[in-house]
Amino acid sequence: RCNPVLAQFIVAEGFAPTAVEGPFAKAGLDPAFVASEEERVTRGYLRLRELSAAGVPITEYPLPEARARWQDPRGP
């Protein structure tokens, strides 16, 4: 299950839209922030689905750019 506040930013085929009320509802947030979160959270959701379908371990979850930052000897 997804946290509803986070789930409201997932925009993917087969994922039912989640409505949130109150101060954390995306309808009341800055449109640029909402667009950025929709892109970021949807990518994470799709990555989890991809790993689940492939039987890949969760340690392979991070998106390539995140993994590259962690492997950089200068740190994140």
Protein backbone atom coordinates (compact mmCIF):
# COMPACT_ATOMS: atom_id res chain seq x y z
CA ARG A 1 0.00 0.00 0.00
CA CYS A 2 1.05 3.55 -0.68
CA ASN A 3 0.93 6.52 1.63
CA PRO A 4 -2.01 8.55 0.21
CA VAL A 5 -0.09 11.83 0.30
CA LEU A 6 2.65 10.26 -1.81
CA ALA A 7 0.28 8.16 -3.93
CA GLN A 8 -1.58 11.25 -5.16
CA PHE A 9 1.50 12.07 -7.25
CA ILE A 10 1.53 8.74 -9.11
CA VAL A 11 0.23 9.22 -12.64
CA ALA A 12 0.46 5.83 -14.32
CA GLU A 13 -1.76 3.55 -16.34
CA GLY A 14 -3.43 1.04 -14.06
CA PHE A 15 -2.89 3.11 -10.90
CA ALA A 16 -6.15 4.53 -9.59
CA PRO A 17 -5.91 8.25 -8.79
CA THR A 18 -5.73 9.00 -5.09
CA ALA A 19 -7.56 12.02 -3.69
CA VAL A 20 -6.18 13.73 -0.61
CA GLU A 21 -7.90 16.47 1.34
CA GLY A 22 -6.34 19.05 3.60
CA PRO A 23 -3.07 20.99 3.56
CA PHE A 24 -1.17 18.25 1.70
CA ALA A 25 -3.65 17.87 -1.16
CA LYS A 26 -1.86 18.44 -4.46
CA ALA A 27 -4.78 20.58 -5.65
CA GLY A 28 -3.64 23.29 -3.23
CA LEU A 29 0.08 23.05 -3.97
CA ASP A 30 2.23 25.01 -6.40
CA PRO A 31 1.66 23.62 -9.92
CA ALA A 32 5.41 23.46 -10.68
CA PHE A 33 6.00 21.47 -7.49
CA VAL A 34 3.10 19.14 -8.33
CA ALA A 35 4.48 18.50 -11.83
CA SER A 36 7.94 17.80 -10.43
CA GLU A 37 6.60 15.42 -7.79
CA GLU A 38 4.38 13.63 -10.30
CA GLU A 39 7.40 12.98 -12.50
CA ARG A 40 9.65 11.88 -9.61
CA VAL A 41 7.14 9.73 -7.70
CA THR A 42 5.73 8.13 -10.86
CA ARG A 43 9.26 7.17 -11.96
CA GLY A 44 9.88 5.55 -8.58
CA TYR A 45 6.58 3.67 -8.73
CA LEU A 46 7.28 2.42 -12.25
CA ARG A 47 10.79 1.36 -11.20
CA LEU A 48 9.37 -0.70 -8.33
CA ARG A 49 6.92 -2.37 -10.70
CA GLU A 50 9.76 -3.10 -13.14
CA LEU A 51 11.90 -4.69 -10.42
CA SER A 52 9.00 -6.69 -9.05
CA ALA A 53 8.16 -8.09 -12.48
CA ALA A 54 11.80 -8.98 -13.16
CA GLY A 55 12.42 -10.59 -9.76
CA VAL A 56 15.29 -8.18 -9.13
CA PRO A 57 16.32 -7.52 -5.49
CA ILE A 58 15.16 -4.29 -3.86
CA THR A 59 18.81 -3.18 -3.58
CA GLU A 60 18.61 -2.53 -7.31
CA TYR A 61 15.71 -0.13 -6.75
CA PRO A 62 17.49 3.22 -6.99
CA LEU A 63 17.15 4.91 -10.33
CA PRO A 64 20.42 5.09 -12.26
CA GLU A 65 21.12 8.73 -11.40
CA ALA A 66 20.62 8.08 -7.68
CA ARG A 67 22.86 5.02 -7.79
CA ALA A 68 25.56 7.06 -9.55
CA ARG A 69 25.46 9.71 -6.80
CA TRP A 70 25.88 7.04 -4.09
CA GLN A 71 28.82 5.49 -5.90
CA ASP A 72 30.58 8.84 -6.35
CA PRO A 73 33.63 8.87 -4.01
CA ARG A 74 32.92 12.55 -3.24
CA GLY A 75 29.65 11.50 -1.58
CA PRO A 76 26.00 12.37 -2.29
